Amino acid sequence: MIHKYIAHPWHGINIGDGAPNLVTAYIEIVPTDTVKYEIDKESGHLKIDRPQKFSNVVPSLYGFIPQTYCDIKIAEYAALKSGRVVTKGDGDPLDICVLSERSVIQGGIMCQAYPIGGLRLLDKGEADDKIIAIMKDDEVFEQWKDITDCTEAVINRLKHYFLTYKNIPGQEKPTCEITNVYGREEAFEVINKSREDYTNKFLK
């Protein structure tokens, strides 16, 4: 009977047999969205987290990698690589930005993506990494194998979005900071550690 129901996007969808080289991404929001959607952790349905406060919009497909979690292992790794005090992971699945030449007009979908790097973001001291990936079989971007293949403009757009999407005008101290932009192999390590955190949280 249980197989007649849609799987929970976080817990019921497989990360993919090819992980961390090829992962499943669950897309929550797309560049045309004027509100921020995110998964409801209990039900698995998409919900409106908040309207986008300002004019910035996410410059890529944005969602998370199923069966991952950002907790102790992610925080320890972020502290090691950034040299900062990282109190904990943000308690959410690992975020992913998926680049594609094609327009995708809605979230609540899955795709396969190749991680090529990531942004090490700290949100009020919590580790909140953003994996950067290329949609599988994308004819324009599939030649990008590592973050060094990306144009500077693409990286700057992603950085700008995450550095500003929570800021309030007049706020003295920014909410988020990016300590590192890292490549493919480090992205693999982040994914693997988030899988460890997931196992320790939900499977033990």
Protein backbone atom coordinates (compact mmCIF):
# COMPACT_ATOMS: atom_id res chain seq x y z
CA MET A 1 0.00 0.00 0.00
CA ILE A 2 2.81 2.38 0.87
CA HIS A 3 4.15 2.23 -2.69
CA LYS A 4 0.99 3.95 -3.96
CA TYR A 5 2.08 7.21 -2.34
CA ILE A 6 4.65 9.74 -3.52
CA ALA A 7 7.98 9.41 -1.73
CA HIS A 8 9.11 12.11 0.67
CA PRO A 9 11.59 14.22 -1.36
CA TRP A 10 14.15 14.36 1.45
CA HIS A 11 13.96 10.85 2.90
CA GLY A 12 12.27 8.74 0.25
CA ILE A 13 14.27 9.65 -2.85
CA ASN A 14 17.64 8.01 -3.42
CA ILE A 15 20.67 10.29 -3.70
CA GLY A 16 21.73 8.18 -6.71
CA ASP A 17 24.01 5.19 -7.19
CA GLY A 18 26.64 7.43 -8.80
CA ALA A 19 26.99 9.81 -5.84
CA PRO A 20 28.94 11.94 -5.22
CA ASN A 21 29.94 12.16 -8.90
CA LEU A 22 26.31 12.19 -10.08
CA VAL A 23 23.54 13.08 -7.65
CA THR A 24 19.80 13.50 -7.57
CA ALA A 25 18.76 17.11 -6.99
CA TYR A 26 15.29 18.04 -5.80
CA ILE A 27 14.55 21.52 -7.17
CA GLU A 28 12.53 23.81 -4.92
CA ILE A 29 12.82 27.17 -6.68
CA VAL A 30 13.70 28.46 -10.15
CA PRO A 31 14.98 31.88 -11.30
CA THR A 32 11.50 33.18 -12.15
CA ASP A 33 10.08 32.58 -8.66
CA THR A 34 9.18 35.69 -6.67
CA VAL A 35 8.62 33.72 -3.48
CA LYS A 36 11.01 31.32 -1.77
CA TYR A 37 9.64 27.79 -1.74
CA GLU A 38 11.12 25.10 0.44
CA ILE A 39 10.24 21.58 1.42
CA ASP A 40 8.06 21.07 4.46
CA LYS A 41 10.16 18.63 6.46
CA GLU A 42 7.20 16.80 7.99
CA SER A 43 4.89 16.35 5.01
CA GLY A 44 7.35 16.54 2.10
CA HIS A 45 5.21 19.10 0.27
CA LEU A 46 6.58 22.36 -1.08
CA LYS A 47 5.56 25.33 1.00
CA ILE A 48 6.04 29.08 0.74
CA ASP A 49 8.82 30.00 3.12
CA ARG A 50 8.56 33.73 2.42
CA PRO A 51 8.06 36.16 -0.43
CA GLN A 52 11.38 37.39 -1.81
CA LYS A 53 11.85 40.61 0.13
CA PHE A 54 13.86 42.44 -2.48
CA SER A 55 14.61 42.37 -6.20
CA ASN A 56 17.30 39.68 -6.16
CA VAL A 57 16.32 36.32 -7.65
CA VAL A 58 18.14 33.01 -7.52
CA PRO A 59 20.39 32.76 -10.63
CA SER A 60 20.09 28.99 -11.05
CA LEU A 61 17.84 26.08 -10.20
CA TYR A 62 18.03 25.71 -6.44
CA GLY A 63 17.13 22.88 -4.11
CA PHE A 64 18.73 20.12 -2.10
CA ILE A 65 20.33 16.69 -2.33
CA PRO A 66 18.09 13.97 -0.82
CA GLN A 67 19.34 11.85 2.08
CA THR A 68 21.86 14.46 3.18
CA TYR A 69 21.98 16.55 6.35
CA CYS A 70 24.19 19.40 7.56
CA ASP A 71 25.25 18.76 11.12
CA ILE A 72 28.43 17.92 13.04
CA LYS A 73 30.56 16.50 10.19
CA ILE A 74 29.72 19.42 7.90
CA ALA A 75 30.46 21.94 10.66
CA GLU A 76 33.80 20.32 11.49
CA TYR A 77 34.82 20.30 7.84
CA ALA A 78 33.75 23.92 7.33
CA ALA A 79 35.80 24.96 10.38
CA LEU A 80 38.83 23.04 9.11
CA LYS A 81 38.69 24.54 5.62
CA SER A 82 37.70 28.09 6.55
CA GLY A 83 39.71 28.59 9.71
CA ARG A 84 36.59 30.04 11.33
CA VAL A 85 34.61 29.05 14.37
CA VAL A 86 31.64 27.09 13.02
CA THR A 87 29.10 26.28 15.68
CA LYS A 88 27.04 23.71 13.79
CA GLY A 89 25.47 22.80 10.48
CA ASP A 90 22.24 24.53 9.58
CA GLY A 91 20.12 21.43 10.25
CA ASP A 92 18.82 21.14 6.70
CA PRO A 93 19.61 18.88 3.73
CA LEU A 94 22.60 19.96 1.66
CA ASP A 95 21.72 22.75 -0.77
CA ILE A 96 22.53 22.52 -4.46
CA CYS A 97 22.52 25.03 -7.33
CA VAL A 98 22.03 23.36 -10.72
CA LEU A 99 23.18 25.18 -13.84
CA SER A 100 21.41 24.53 -17.12
CA GLU A 101 21.15 26.30 -20.45
CA ARG A 102 17.47 25.40 -20.65
CA SER A 103 14.73 27.26 -18.80
CA VAL A 104 12.87 25.28 -16.15
CA ILE A 105 9.67 27.04 -15.19
CA GLN A 106 8.66 25.28 -11.98
CA GLY A 107 10.06 23.65 -8.88
CA GLY A 108 8.96 20.47 -7.17
CA ILE A 109 10.90 18.34 -9.64
CA MET A 110 13.96 16.08 -9.66
CA CYS A 111 16.96 16.10 -11.96
CA GLN A 112 20.35 14.45 -12.18
CA ALA A 113 23.38 16.73 -11.79
CA TYR A 114 27.17 16.58 -11.75
CA PRO A 115 28.71 18.52 -8.83
CA ILE A 116 31.65 20.69 -9.95
CA GLY A 117 32.29 22.74 -6.80
CA GLY A 118 30.63 24.79 -4.13
CA LEU A 119 30.40 27.87 -1.95
CA ARG A 120 31.28 27.56 1.72
CA LEU A 121 28.66 29.81 3.25
CA LEU A 122 28.34 30.62 6.93
CA ASP A 123 24.93 31.86 8.07
CA LYS A 124 25.24 33.33 11.57
CA GLY A 125 28.08 30.93 12.26
CA GLU A 126 26.28 27.86 10.92
CA ALA A 127 27.67 25.85 7.98
CA ASP A 128 25.34 26.19 4.99
CA ASP A 129 27.29 24.94 1.96
CA LYS A 130 25.93 25.46 -1.54
CA ILE A 131 26.98 22.75 -3.99
CA ILE A 132 27.29 23.97 -7.60
CA ALA A 133 26.39 21.39 -10.23
CA ILE A 134 25.67 20.95 -13.92
CA MET A 135 22.44 19.33 -15.11
CA LYS A 136 23.12 15.96 -16.69
CA ASP A 137 23.16 16.03 -20.52
CA ASP A 138 23.09 19.83 -20.72
CA GLU A 139 24.66 20.48 -24.11
CA VAL A 140 26.06 23.90 -23.22
CA PHE A 141 27.35 23.47 -19.67
CA GLU A 142 28.25 19.77 -19.61
CA GLN A 143 31.81 20.66 -20.69
CA TRP A 144 32.33 22.28 -17.27
CA LYS A 145 33.92 19.62 -15.08
CA ASP A 146 35.26 21.77 -12.23
CA ILE A 147 34.59 25.16 -10.70
CA THR A 148 37.63 26.52 -12.55
CA ASP A 149 35.74 25.95 -15.82
CA CYS A 150 32.96 28.34 -14.78
CA THR A 151 32.97 31.89 -16.00
CA GLU A 152 33.60 34.50 -13.33
CA ALA A 153 30.20 36.04 -14.04
CA VAL A 154 28.35 32.84 -13.08
CA ILE A 155 30.23 32.51 -9.80
CA ASN A 156 29.75 36.19 -9.00
CA ARG A 157 25.99 35.95 -9.59
CA LEU A 158 25.71 33.01 -7.22
CA LYS A 159 27.88 34.71 -4.61
CA HIS A 160 25.92 37.94 -4.85
CA TYR A 161 22.60 36.17 -4.38
CA PHE A 162 23.66 34.26 -1.28
CA LEU A 163 25.44 37.23 0.23
CA THR A 164 22.42 39.49 -0.12
CA TYR A 165 19.22 37.40 -0.07
CA LYS A 166 18.79 37.72 3.69
CA ASN A 167 20.17 41.22 4.15
CA ILE A 168 17.98 44.03 5.42
CA PRO A 169 18.75 47.60 4.27
CA GLY A 170 20.62 49.44 7.00
CA GLN A 171 21.71 46.24 8.71
CA GLU A 172 25.22 46.79 10.06
CA LYS A 173 26.53 43.23 9.82
CA PRO A 174 25.67 40.93 6.90
CA THR A 175 23.86 37.73 7.85
CA CYS A 176 25.89 35.50 5.52
CA GLU A 177 29.51 35.27 4.46
CA ILE A 178 31.27 33.09 1.91
CA THR A 179 34.66 31.93 3.17
CA ASN A 180 35.67 29.71 0.25
CA VAL A 181 34.82 28.83 -3.32
CA TYR A 182 35.93 25.23 -3.78
CA GLY A 183 36.26 22.70 -6.57
CA ARG A 184 34.90 19.32 -7.55
CA GLU A 185 36.89 17.09 -5.20
CA GLU A 186 36.05 19.21 -2.17
CA ALA A 187 32.41 19.22 -3.21
CA PHE A 188 32.53 15.43 -3.20
CA GLU A 189 33.91 15.54 0.35
CA VAL A 190 31.14 17.88 1.49
CA ILE A 191 28.49 15.59 -0.03
CA ASN A 192 30.00 12.52 1.63
CA LYS A 193 30.14 14.24 5.02
CA SER A 194 26.52 15.35 4.68
CA ARG A 195 25.62 11.72 4.01
CA GLU A 196 27.44 10.75 7.21
CA ASP A 197 25.47 13.39 9.10
CA TYR A 198 22.25 12.03 7.58
CA THR A 199 23.08 8.47 8.64
CA ASN A 200 23.95 9.56 12.17
CA LYS A 201 20.76 11.61 12.49
CA PHE A 202 18.16 9.41 10.85
CA LEU A 203 19.47 5.87 10.38
CA LYS A 204 21.00 5.01 13.75
